[in-house]
C-alpha atoms as a PDB file:
ATOM      1  CA  MET A   1     -30.475  43.886 -35.282  1.00  0.00           C
ATOM      2  CA  THR A   2     -30.682  47.582 -35.801  1.00  0.00           C
ATOM      3  CA  GLN A   3     -27.333  49.855 -35.331  1.00  0.00           C
ATOM      4  CA  LEU A   4     -27.876  53.581 -33.905  1.00  0.00           C
ATOM      5  CA  LYS A   5     -24.230  55.221 -33.905  1.00  0.00           C
ATOM      6  CA  ALA A   6     -23.136  58.938 -34.901  1.00  0.00           C
ATOM      7  CA  THR A   7     -20.481  60.464 -35.592  1.00  0.00           C
ATOM      8  CA  ILE A   8     -19.992  64.275 -34.042  1.00  0.00           C
ATOM      9  CA  TYR A   9     -17.831  67.138 -35.356  1.00  0.00           C
ATOM     10  CA  ARG A  10     -16.508  69.635 -32.773  1.00  0.00           C
ATOM     11  CA  ASN A  11     -13.940  72.197 -32.960  1.00  0.00           C
ATOM     12  CA  GLY A  12     -12.498  70.493 -35.542  1.00  0.00           C
ATOM     13  CA  LYS A  13     -12.667  67.120 -34.147  1.00  0.00           C
ATOM     14  CA  ALA A  14     -14.823  64.055 -34.890  1.00  0.00           C
ATOM     15  CA  TYR A  15     -16.639  61.982 -31.808  1.00  0.00           C
ATOM     16  CA  PHE A  16     -18.870  58.669 -32.118  1.00  0.00           C
ATOM     17  CA  ALA A  17     -21.639  58.094 -30.393  1.00  0.00           C
ATOM     18  CA  ASP A  18     -23.705  54.604 -30.027  1.00  0.00           C
ATOM     19  CA  LEU A  19     -27.613  55.892 -29.583  1.00  0.00           C
ATOM     20  CA  SER A  20     -28.126  52.352 -28.242  1.00  0.00           C
ATOM     21  CA  LYS A  21     -26.594  53.264 -24.944  1.00  0.00           C
ATOM     22  CA  PRO A  22     -28.513  55.985 -23.508  1.00  0.00           C
ATOM     23  CA  LEU A  23     -27.891  57.474 -20.061  1.00  0.00           C
ATOM     24  CA  ASP A  24     -31.161  59.058 -18.501  1.00  0.00           C
ATOM     25  CA  ILE A  25     -30.317  61.424 -15.611  1.00  0.00           C
ATOM     26  CA  GLY A  26     -33.751  62.774 -15.091  1.00  0.00           C
ATOM     27  CA  ILE A  27     -36.059  61.883 -12.099  1.00  0.00           C
ATOM     28  CA  PRO A  28     -39.466  60.468 -12.937  1.00  0.00           C
ATOM     29  CA  LEU A  29     -42.476  62.358 -11.918  1.00  0.00           C
ATOM     30  CA  ALA A  30     -43.860  60.263  -9.280  1.00  0.00           C
ATOM     31  CA  GLU A  31     -47.128  60.362  -7.144  1.00  0.00           C
ATOM     32  CA  GLY A  32     -46.718  61.238  -3.398  1.00  0.00           C
ATOM     33  CA  LEU A  33     -43.458  60.994  -1.861  1.00  0.00           C
ATOM     34  CA  LEU A  34     -40.951  59.198  -4.897  1.00  0.00           C
ATOM     35  CA  SER A  35     -40.014  61.953  -6.311  1.00  0.00           C
ATOM     36  CA  PRO A  36     -38.278  65.110  -5.420  1.00  0.00           C
ATOM     37  CA  ASN A  37     -39.895  68.313  -3.626  1.00  0.00           C
ATOM     38  CA  CYS A  38     -38.780  71.479  -3.358  1.00  0.00           C
ATOM     39  CA  PHE A  39     -40.522  75.232  -2.868  1.00  0.00           C
ATOM     40  CA  TYR A  40     -42.708  73.506  -0.824  1.00  0.00           C
ATOM     41  CA  ALA A  41     -45.169  72.848  -3.808  1.00  0.00           C
ATOM     42  CA  PRO A  42     -47.773  70.063  -3.504  1.00  0.00           C
ATOM     43  CA  ALA A  43     -46.780  66.574  -4.744  1.00  0.00           C
ATOM     44  CA  MET A  44     -47.887  65.524  -8.080  1.00  0.00           C
ATOM     45  CA  SER A  45     -51.369  63.909  -7.990  1.00  0.00           C
ATOM     46  CA  THR A  46     -53.401  61.765 -10.199  1.00  0.00           C
ATOM     47  CA  GLU A  47     -57.667  61.384 -10.033  1.00  0.00           C
ATOM     48  CA  PRO A  48     -59.023  59.289 -12.636  1.00  0.00           C
ATOM     49  CA  VAL A  49     -62.026  61.332 -14.713  1.00  0.00           C
ATOM     50  CA  VAL A  50     -65.958  60.436 -13.535  1.00  0.00           C
ATOM     51  CA  ALA A  51     -68.516  61.393 -15.901  1.00  0.00           C
ATOM     52  CA  GLY A  52     -71.619  59.930 -14.909  1.00  0.00           C
ATOM     53  CA  ASP A  53     -71.476  56.418 -14.698  1.00  0.00           C
ATOM     54  CA  PHE A  54     -67.813  56.659 -16.744  1.00  0.00           C
ATOM     55  CA  ILE A  55     -64.915  56.618 -13.935  1.00  0.00           C
ATOM     56  CA  GLY A  56     -61.190  56.690 -15.836  1.00  0.00           C
ATOM     57  CA  SER A  57     -59.572  53.906 -13.635  1.00  0.00           C
ATOM     58  CA  THR A  58     -59.604  50.426 -14.452  1.00  0.00           C
ATOM     59  CA  ALA A  59     -58.514  49.723 -10.800  1.00  0.00           C
ATOM     60  CA  LYS A  60     -62.056  50.945  -9.785  1.00  0.00           C
ATOM     61  CA  GLY A  61     -64.135  49.351 -12.809  1.00  0.00           C
ATOM     62  CA  GLY A  62     -63.492  51.614 -15.700  1.00  0.00           C
ATOM     63  CA  SER A  63     -62.556  50.355 -19.282  1.00  0.00           C
ATOM     64  CA  VAL A  64     -59.941  52.618 -19.144  1.00  0.00           C
ATOM     65  CA  ASN A  65     -57.276  54.726 -17.364  1.00  0.00           C
ATOM     66  CA  PHE A  66     -58.084  58.387 -18.051  1.00  0.00           C
ATOM     67  CA  LEU A  67     -56.684  60.679 -15.639  1.00  0.00           C
ATOM     68  CA  ASN A  68     -56.374  63.990 -14.864  1.00  0.00           C
ATOM     69  CA  VAL A  69     -52.905  65.246 -12.960  1.00  0.00           C
ATOM     70  CA  THR A  70     -51.817  67.571 -11.035  1.00  0.00           C
ATOM     71  CA  PHE A  71     -48.363  69.029 -10.460  1.00  0.00           C
ATOM     72  CA  ASN A  72     -45.818  71.590 -10.077  1.00  0.00           C
ATOM     73  CA  PRO A  73     -43.104  71.239 -13.009  1.00  0.00           C
ATOM     74  CA  HIS A  74     -40.693  73.482 -11.057  1.00  0.00           C
ATOM     75  CA  GLY A  75     -41.357  71.469  -7.920  1.00  0.00           C
ATOM     76  CA  ASN A  76     -41.612  68.291  -8.764  1.00  0.00           C
ATOM     77  CA  GLY A  77     -39.025  65.631 -10.583  1.00  0.00           C
ATOM     78  CA  THR A  78     -36.665  67.111 -13.026  1.00  0.00           C
ATOM     79  CA  HIS A  79     -37.563  70.114 -15.476  1.00  0.00           C
ATOM     80  CA  THR A  80     -36.338  72.316 -17.488  1.00  0.00           C
ATOM     81  CA  GLU A  81     -37.201  76.184 -17.938  1.00  0.00           C
ATOM     82  CA  CYS A  82     -36.862  78.968 -20.135  1.00  0.00           C
ATOM     83  CA  VAL A  83     -36.292  82.976 -19.662  1.00  0.00           C
ATOM     84  CA  GLY A  84     -40.450  82.879 -19.604  1.00  0.00           C
ATOM     85  CA  HIS A  85     -39.571  81.720 -15.395  1.00  0.00           C
ATOM     86  CA  ILE A  86     -38.673  85.192 -14.617  1.00  0.00           C
ATOM     87  CA  ALA A  87     -39.318  87.204 -17.679  1.00  0.00           C
ATOM     88  CA  LYS A  88     -42.098  89.975 -17.685  1.00  0.00           C
ATOM     89  CA  ALA A  89     -42.777  89.619 -21.330  1.00  0.00           C
ATOM     90  CA  ARG A  90     -44.332  85.627 -22.140  1.00  0.00           C
ATOM     91  CA  PHE A  91     -41.943  82.938 -22.899  1.00  0.00           C
ATOM     92  CA  THR A  92     -42.753  79.670 -23.266  1.00  0.00           C
ATOM     93  CA  VAL A  93     -40.401  76.626 -23.266  1.00  0.00           C
ATOM     94  CA  ASN A  94     -41.273  74.915 -26.468  1.00  0.00           C
ATOM     95  CA  GLN A  95     -41.085  78.325 -28.084  1.00  0.00           C
ATOM     96  CA  CYS A  96     -38.114  78.707 -27.015  1.00  0.00           C
ATOM     97  CA  LEU A  97     -35.696  75.218 -27.396  1.00  0.00           C
ATOM     98  CA  LYS A  98     -36.067  74.099 -30.700  1.00  0.00           C
ATOM     99  CA  LYS A  99     -33.015  72.020 -30.744  1.00  0.00           C
ATOM    100  CA  PHE A 100     -32.376  69.036 -29.286  1.00  0.00           C
ATOM    101  CA  HIS A 101     -29.111  67.571 -29.315  1.00  0.00           C
ATOM    102  CA  PHE A 102     -25.780  68.995 -27.907  1.00  0.00           C
ATOM    103  CA  PHE A 103     -22.137  68.743 -27.776  1.00  0.00           C
ATOM    104  CA  ALA A 104     -21.559  68.595 -23.651  1.00  0.00           C
ATOM    105  CA  LYS A 105     -19.787  68.086 -20.555  1.00  0.00           C
ATOM    106  CA  LEU A 106     -20.022  66.695 -17.358  1.00  0.00           C
ATOM    107  CA  VAL A 107     -18.504  67.901 -14.098  1.00  0.00           C
ATOM    108  CA  SER A 108     -18.571  67.312 -11.017  1.00  0.00           C
ATOM    109  CA  VAL A 109     -17.984  69.602  -8.314  1.00  0.00           C
ATOM    110  CA  PHE A 110     -18.425  70.269  -4.134  1.00  0.00           C
ATOM    111  CA  PRO A 111     -20.202  73.258  -3.814  1.00  0.00           C
ATOM    112  CA  THR A 112     -18.149  76.073  -1.198  1.00  0.00           C
ATOM    113  CA  GLN A 113     -18.943  75.868   2.283  1.00  0.00           C
ATOM    114  CA  GLN A 114     -19.471  80.009   3.035  1.00  0.00           C
ATOM    115  CA  GLY A 115     -18.891  82.174   6.040  1.00  0.00           C
ATOM    116  CA  ASN A 116     -23.173  82.001   6.293  1.00  0.00           C
ATOM    117  CA  GLY A 117     -23.290  78.677   6.021  1.00  0.00           C
ATOM    118  CA  ASP A 118     -24.340  78.653   2.104  1.00  0.00           C
ATOM    119  CA  ARG A 119     -22.833  75.793  -0.128  1.00  0.00           C
ATOM    120  CA  VAL A 120     -22.667  77.424  -2.854  1.00  0.00           C
ATOM    121  CA  ILE A 121     -20.704  76.706  -6.834  1.00  0.00           C
ATOM    122  CA  LEU A 122     -18.569  79.770  -7.645  1.00  0.00           C
ATOM    123  CA  ARG A 123     -16.736  80.971 -10.322  1.00  0.00           C
ATOM    124  CA  HIS A 124     -13.106  79.851 -10.123  1.00  0.00           C
ATOM    125  CA  GLN A 125     -14.836  76.294  -9.706  1.00  0.00           C
ATOM    126  CA  LEU A 126     -15.383  76.264 -13.145  1.00  0.00           C
ATOM    127  CA  THR A 127     -12.860  78.139 -15.221  1.00  0.00           C
ATOM    128  CA  GLU A 128     -10.901  74.592 -13.738  1.00  0.00           C
ATOM    129  CA  ALA A 129     -13.513  72.477 -15.510  1.00  0.00           C
ATOM    130  CA  VAL A 130     -14.880  74.143 -18.771  1.00  0.00           C
ATOM    131  CA  ALA A 131     -13.381  76.590 -21.566  1.00  0.00           C
ATOM    132  CA  PRO A 132     -14.708  79.118 -23.547  1.00  0.00           C
ATOM    133  CA  GLY A 133     -16.297  77.509 -26.896  1.00  0.00           C
ATOM    134  CA  GLU A 134     -15.578  73.690 -25.303  1.00  0.00           C
ATOM    135  CA  VAL A 135     -19.440  73.019 -25.094  1.00  0.00           C
ATOM    136  CA  ASP A 136     -22.969  73.968 -25.645  1.00  0.00           C
ATOM    137  CA  ALA A 137     -24.192  72.044 -22.439  1.00  0.00           C
ATOM    138  CA  LEU A 138     -22.990  71.806 -18.714  1.00  0.00           C
ATOM    139  CA  ILE A 139     -24.307  69.256 -16.898  1.00  0.00           C
ATOM    140  CA  LEU A 140     -23.055  70.177 -12.846  1.00  0.00           C
ATOM    141  CA  ARG A 141     -22.981  66.949 -11.106  1.00  0.00           C
ATOM    142  CA  THR A 142     -22.718  68.234  -6.888  1.00  0.00           C
ATOM    143  CA  LEU A 143     -20.817  65.912  -4.849  1.00  0.00           C
ATOM    144  CA  PRO A 144     -21.111  63.981  -2.363  1.00  0.00           C
ATOM    145  CA  ASN A 145     -23.914  62.220  -4.806  1.00  0.00           C
ATOM    146  CA  ASP A 146     -26.142  59.473  -3.833  1.00  0.00           C
ATOM    147  CA  LYS A 147     -29.450  58.667  -4.347  1.00  0.00           C
ATOM    148  CA  ARG A 148     -31.345  60.409  -1.602  1.00  0.00           C
ATOM    149  CA  LYS A 149     -31.756  63.314  -4.262  1.00  0.00           C
ATOM    150  CA  LEU A 150     -34.334  61.100  -6.184  1.00  0.00           C
ATOM    151  CA  THR A 151     -36.653  61.714  -3.506  1.00  0.00           C
ATOM    152  CA  ALA A 152     -35.187  64.558  -1.461  1.00  0.00           C
ATOM    153  CA  ASN A 153     -37.503  67.562   0.013  1.00  0.00           C
ATOM    154  CA  TYR A 154     -35.475  70.318  -0.563  1.00  0.00           C
ATOM    155  CA  SER A 155     -37.850  72.762   1.010  1.00  0.00           C
ATOM    156  CA  GLY A 156     -36.617  75.116   3.614  1.00  0.00           C
ATOM    157  CA  SER A 157     -33.391  73.609   3.497  1.00  0.00           C
ATOM    158  CA  ASN A 158     -31.295  75.853   1.921  1.00  0.00           C
ATOM    159  CA  PRO A 159     -30.101  73.622  -0.971  1.00  0.00           C
ATOM    160  CA  PRO A 160     -26.590  74.690  -2.706  1.00  0.00           C
ATOM    161  CA  TYR A 161     -26.979  77.290  -5.563  1.00  0.00           C
ATOM    162  CA  LEU A 162     -25.055  78.496  -8.359  1.00  0.00           C
ATOM    163  CA  HIS A 163     -22.921  81.846  -7.694  1.00  0.00           C
ATOM    164  CA  PRO A 164     -23.988  85.034 -10.484  1.00  0.00           C
ATOM    165  CA  GLY A 165     -20.056  84.938 -11.033  1.00  0.00           C
ATOM    166  CA  ALA A 166     -20.244  81.509 -11.919  1.00  0.00           C
ATOM    167  CA  ALA A 167     -23.394  81.704 -14.298  1.00  0.00           C
ATOM    168  CA  THR A 168     -21.704  84.636 -15.702  1.00  0.00           C
ATOM    169  CA  PHE A 169     -18.428  82.760 -16.805  1.00  0.00           C
ATOM    170  CA  LEU A 170     -20.528  80.354 -18.333  1.00  0.00           C
ATOM    171  CA  VAL A 171     -22.150  83.120 -20.579  1.00  0.00           C
ATOM    172  CA  ASP A 172     -19.122  84.224 -21.622  1.00  0.00           C
ATOM    173  CA  CYS A 173     -17.823  80.581 -22.315  1.00  0.00           C
ATOM    174  CA  GLY A 174     -20.989  80.562 -24.588  1.00  0.00           C
ATOM    175  CA  VAL A 175     -22.509  77.260 -22.563  1.00  0.00           C
ATOM    176  CA  GLU A 176     -26.090  77.459 -24.288  1.00  0.00           C
ATOM    177  CA  HIS A 177     -27.668  74.386 -21.322  1.00  0.00           C
ATOM    178  CA  LEU A 178     -27.159  74.698 -18.505  1.00  0.00           C
ATOM    179  CA  LEU A 179     -28.262  71.418 -16.368  1.00  0.00           C
ATOM    180  CA  LEU A 180     -27.993  70.949 -12.168  1.00  0.00           C
ATOM    181  CA  ASP A 181     -28.845  68.337  -9.660  1.00  0.00           C
ATOM    182  CA  LEU A 182     -30.461  70.797  -7.433  1.00  0.00           C
ATOM    183  CA  PRO A 183     -34.090  72.170  -6.681  1.00  0.00           C
ATOM    184  CA  SER A 184     -32.267  76.028  -8.400  1.00  0.00           C
ATOM    185  CA  ALA A 185     -29.709  77.724 -10.020  1.00  0.00           C
ATOM    186  CA  ASP A 186     -29.853  80.644  -7.090  1.00  0.00           C
ATOM    187  CA  LYS A 187     -30.532  80.579  -3.247  1.00  0.00           C
ATOM    188  CA  GLU A 188     -33.842  78.847  -2.253  1.00  0.00           C
ATOM    189  CA  LYS A 189     -34.640  82.305  -0.413  1.00  0.00           C
ATOM    190  CA  ASP A 190     -32.990  85.184  -1.765  1.00  0.00           C
ATOM    191  CA  GLY A 191     -35.817  87.688  -1.357  1.00  0.00           C
ATOM    192  CA  GLY A 192     -36.563  87.235  -5.245  1.00  0.00           C
ATOM    193  CA  ALA A 193     -33.430  88.357  -6.488  1.00  0.00           C
ATOM    194  CA  LEU A 194     -32.648  85.541  -8.547  1.00  0.00           C
ATOM    195  CA  LEU A 195     -29.176  86.394 -10.152  1.00  0.00           C
ATOM    196  CA  SER A 196     -28.238  83.711 -11.381  1.00  0.00           C
ATOM    197  CA  HIS A 197     -31.193  82.925 -13.599  1.00  0.00           C
ATOM    198  CA  ARG A 198     -30.817  86.392 -14.534  1.00  0.00           C
ATOM    199  CA  ALA A 199     -27.138  86.393 -15.565  1.00  0.00           C
ATOM    200  CA  PHE A 200     -27.412  83.042 -17.408  1.00  0.00           C
ATOM    201  CA  TRP A 201     -30.583  84.375 -19.572  1.00  0.00           C
ATOM    202  CA  GLY A 202     -29.190  87.940 -19.653  1.00  0.00           C
ATOM    203  CA  TYR A 203     -32.355  89.326 -18.235  1.00  0.00           C
ATOM    204  CA  SER A 204     -32.237  92.414 -15.800  1.00  0.00           C
ATOM    205  CA  GLY A 205     -35.876  93.161 -16.570  1.00  0.00           C
ATOM    206  CA  GLN A 206     -35.197  96.179 -17.947  1.00  0.00           C
ATOM    207  CA  VAL A 207     -36.083  97.560 -21.539  1.00  0.00           C
ATOM    208  CA  GLY A 208     -33.507  96.436 -24.109  1.00  0.00           C
ATOM    209  CA  ASP A 209     -31.714  93.236 -22.551  1.00  0.00           C
ATOM    210  CA  LEU A 210     -30.414  90.798 -25.015  1.00  0.00           C
ATOM    211  CA  LEU A 211     -32.205  88.129 -23.976  1.00  0.00           C
ATOM    212  CA  ARG A 212     -30.397  84.486 -24.875  1.00  0.00           C
ATOM    213  CA  GLY A 213     -34.025  83.241 -25.193  1.00  0.00           C
ATOM    214  CA  ASN A 214     -32.843  79.927 -26.939  1.00  0.00           C
ATOM    215  CA  CYS A 215     -30.994  78.936 -23.639  1.00  0.00           C
ATOM    216  CA  THR A 216     -32.339  76.681 -20.820  1.00  0.00           C
ATOM    217  CA  ILE A 217     -31.938  75.898 -17.143  1.00  0.00           C
ATOM    218  CA  THR A 218     -32.479  72.209 -16.248  1.00  0.00           C
ATOM    219  CA  GLU A 219     -32.996  71.464 -12.750  1.00  0.00           C
ATOM    220  CA  LEU A 220     -33.190  68.459 -10.112  1.00  0.00           C
ATOM    221  CA  ILE A 221     -31.541  66.001 -12.591  1.00  0.00           C
ATOM    222  CA  TYR A 222     -29.760  63.074 -10.754  1.00  0.00           C
ATOM    223  CA  VAL A 223     -26.059  61.561 -12.757  1.00  0.00           C
ATOM    224  CA  PRO A 224     -25.709  57.852 -11.036  1.00  0.00           C
ATOM    225  CA  PRO A 225     -22.009  57.971  -9.762  1.00  0.00           C
ATOM    226  CA  ALA A 226     -21.439  55.145 -12.490  1.00  0.00           C
ATOM    227  CA  ILE A 227     -21.716  58.005 -15.470  1.00  0.00           C
ATOM    228  CA  LYS A 228     -18.276  59.282 -15.693  1.00  0.00           C
ATOM    229  CA  ASP A 229     -17.086  63.249 -15.903  1.00  0.00           C
ATOM    230  CA  GLY A 230     -16.180  64.241 -19.539  1.00  0.00           C
ATOM    231  CA  LEU A 231     -18.031  64.957 -23.014  1.00  0.00           C
ATOM    232  CA  TYR A 232     -21.562  63.717 -23.842  1.00  0.00           C
ATOM    233  CA  LEU A 233     -23.713  63.860 -26.579  1.00  0.00           C
ATOM    234  CA  LEU A 234     -26.661  65.415 -24.729  1.00  0.00           C
ATOM    235  CA  ASN A 235     -30.379  64.783 -26.104  1.00  0.00           C
ATOM    236  CA  LEU A 236     -32.979  67.124 -24.042  1.00  0.00           C
ATOM    237  CA  GLN A 237     -36.506  66.615 -24.185  1.00  0.00           C
ATOM    238  CA  ILE A 238     -39.631  68.317 -23.240  1.00  0.00           C
ATOM    239  CA  ALA A 239     -43.216  68.066 -23.384  1.00  0.00           C
ATOM    240  CA  ALA A 240     -44.470  70.683 -25.587  1.00  0.00           C
ATOM    241  CA  PHE A 241     -45.831  72.886 -22.965  1.00  0.00           C
ATOM    242  CA  GLU A 242     -47.023  76.671 -23.499  1.00  0.00           C
ATOM    243  CA  ILE A 243     -45.872  77.974 -20.303  1.00  0.00           C
ATOM    244  CA  ASP A 244     -42.523  78.538 -18.780  1.00  0.00           C
ATOM    245  CA  ALA A 245     -41.198  75.679 -17.672  1.00  0.00           C
ATOM    246  CA  SER A 246     -41.864  71.340 -18.611  1.00  0.00           C
ATOM    247  CA  PRO A 247     -41.107  67.914 -16.770  1.00  0.00           C
ATOM    248  CA  SER A 248     -37.888  67.094 -18.836  1.00  0.00           C
ATOM    249  CA  LYS A 249     -36.154  64.005 -19.630  1.00  0.00           C
ATOM    250  CA  PRO A 250     -32.368  64.931 -20.088  1.00  0.00           C
ATOM    251  CA  ILE A 251     -30.102  61.602 -22.156  1.00  0.00           C
ATOM    252  CA  LEU A 252     -26.468  61.363 -22.349  1.00  0.00           C
ATOM    253  CA  PHE A 253     -24.591  59.322 -24.844  1.00  0.00           C
ATOM    254  CA  HIS A 254     -21.118  58.474 -24.455  1.00  0.00           C
ATOM    255  CA  LEU A 255     -18.877  60.517 -26.466  1.00  0.00           C
ATOM    256  CA  ASN A 256     -15.353  58.706 -27.722  1.00  0.00           C
ATOM    257  CA  PRO A 257     -12.801  60.621 -29.734  1.00  0.00           C
ATOM    258  CA  LEU A 258     -12.123  59.630 -33.346  1.00  0.00           C
ATOM    259  CA  PRO A 259      -8.645  58.779 -34.781  1.00  0.00           C
END
């Protein structure tokens, strides 16, 4: 039996990861109502290619399955996005994300209820959870946490979001990759302000912005309760789309300190 093991070094400490024990925190794309949906995006759908006598469906008598797939990466399932999501210039996730393994920390947090009814992840909640220079990637699991996140329709529900002050704190800590089990880092309806996205990527829309072009935000993940808060090796997998976002498959591996 092949053993896949890795030793990870961070801040002068060594950690062990067993690569044969992956923990998938992505939600797959599925047709109909089997994936989460947000921002009123159409559900993912497939349609066999038809050309003359050829039909790309074995269920319909074809020799192979040969399907056209329609989906919105931001509205259906787990996805990873780059600064091209908000920038006027063209940036693609395939060009921005060039490394795929990161020292990561999983943190569970109750969004704080505000006077207007919004539920928000605030800066002080993160200052207690992550230290400057501690990790490359932060995974936020909101509480309560249950399997309804796997198929939730978030459209029009004003789901929780990240306060821009919290996003700025993550930048100050050196976090380059943010993963959330929410539809967006920002409020569902904010008039296009997108303050947390802008803070995280260092993008105001002005000439001379110092963009954090290698940084990503991954939304609509699901972290099962059995996966405990702590340090992990993150493998962030995307498809090679030359657009601002891609369906993604974030995988975690436990990190255990070595003596």
